[in-house]
């Protein structure tokens, strides 16, 4: 979903039926390559390698699965490994 006025992205598909003048469904809209916000690993749609097309997003920034597991699911990853930094 894309807000026609602001360009904001949402994954809530019901917005298109609730307010079609504001929101537009972009089918197969992810054609570009993005990078993980932490490690800069390339994310893109791929039939051959599904791991490159798997990640987590807030609608603007992406995290690859590995960084998500390390930094979001395990918030103590840095402090446990490098306690002198925190």
Protein backbone atom coordinates (compact mmCIF):
# COMPACT_ATOMS: atom_id res chain seq x y z
CA UNK A 1 0.00 0.00 0.00
CA UNK A 2 1.21 3.49 -0.80
CA UNK A 3 -0.30 6.72 0.47
CA UNK A 4 -0.84 8.76 -2.70
CA UNK A 5 -0.15 12.07 -0.94
CA UNK A 6 2.80 11.27 1.32
CA UNK A 7 4.37 8.22 -0.30
CA UNK A 8 4.20 6.39 3.04
CA UNK A 9 4.15 2.59 2.80
CA UNK A 10 1.86 0.24 4.71
CA UNK A 11 1.25 -3.50 4.65
CA UNK A 12 -2.37 -3.08 5.79
CA UNK A 13 -4.29 -4.01 2.62
CA UNK A 14 -7.68 -3.00 4.03
CA UNK A 15 -6.66 0.65 3.61
CA UNK A 16 -7.31 0.38 -0.13
CA UNK A 17 -10.95 -0.52 0.39
CA UNK A 18 -11.48 1.88 3.31
CA UNK A 19 -9.97 4.92 1.57
CA UNK A 20 -9.18 4.24 -2.12
CA UNK A 21 -8.64 7.92 -2.93
CA UNK A 22 -5.75 8.09 -0.46
CA UNK A 23 -4.25 4.59 -0.69
CA UNK A 24 -3.19 2.56 -3.69
CA UNK A 25 -2.31 -1.14 -3.89
CA UNK A 26 0.97 -1.67 -5.71
CA UNK A 27 0.97 -5.29 -6.88
CA UNK A 28 4.44 -6.80 -7.14
CA UNK A 29 5.71 -3.34 -6.32
CA UNK A 30 9.09 -4.29 -4.89
CA UNK A 31 11.34 -4.34 -7.94
CA UNK A 32 14.38 -2.55 -6.62
CA UNK A 33 17.16 -3.77 -4.39
CA UNK A 34 17.38 -2.65 -0.79
CA UNK A 35 20.07 -3.14 1.82
CA UNK A 36 19.94 -4.20 5.44
CA UNK A 37 20.16 -1.10 7.62
CA UNK A 38 22.74 -2.80 9.87
CA UNK A 39 25.07 -4.93 7.71
CA UNK A 40 24.17 -3.53 4.26
CA UNK A 41 23.45 -7.04 2.88
CA UNK A 42 21.52 -6.80 -0.37
CA UNK A 43 17.82 -7.69 -0.29
CA UNK A 44 15.92 -8.27 -3.51
CA UNK A 45 13.25 -10.50 -5.00
CA UNK A 46 14.80 -13.75 -6.17
CA UNK A 47 13.31 -17.08 -7.21
CA UNK A 48 16.69 -18.85 -7.03
CA UNK A 49 17.70 -17.58 -3.56
CA UNK A 50 14.74 -16.84 -1.28
CA UNK A 51 17.02 -15.63 1.53
CA UNK A 52 17.75 -12.47 -0.45
CA UNK A 53 14.04 -11.68 -0.51
CA UNK A 54 13.41 -12.36 3.17
CA UNK A 55 13.68 -9.55 5.67
CA UNK A 56 11.88 -7.29 8.10
CA UNK A 57 10.83 -3.72 7.49
CA UNK A 58 9.13 -0.78 9.10
CA UNK A 59 8.05 0.36 5.64
CA UNK A 60 11.23 2.29 4.93
CA UNK A 61 14.25 0.53 6.45
CA UNK A 62 15.04 -3.17 6.13
CA UNK A 63 16.77 -5.73 8.33
CA UNK A 64 18.03 -9.02 6.93
CA UNK A 65 16.99 -12.15 8.82
CA UNK A 66 20.42 -12.56 10.40
CA UNK A 67 20.56 -9.01 11.83
CA UNK A 68 16.96 -9.29 12.99
CA UNK A 69 17.81 -12.46 14.90
CA UNK A 70 20.93 -10.91 16.44
CA UNK A 71 19.78 -7.42 17.30
CA UNK A 72 15.98 -7.50 17.61
CA UNK A 73 15.25 -10.96 18.93
CA UNK A 74 18.33 -10.92 21.18
CA UNK A 75 18.73 -7.33 22.43
CA UNK A 76 21.56 -8.49 24.72
CA UNK A 77 23.69 -9.63 21.73
CA UNK A 78 26.09 -6.69 21.96
CA UNK A 79 26.05 -6.18 25.71
CA UNK A 80 26.58 -9.90 26.36
CA UNK A 81 29.45 -10.24 23.91
CA UNK A 82 31.03 -6.83 24.45
CA UNK A 83 30.08 -5.81 27.97
CA UNK A 84 32.89 -3.22 28.06
CA UNK A 85 31.01 -1.18 25.41
CA UNK A 86 27.82 -0.72 27.41
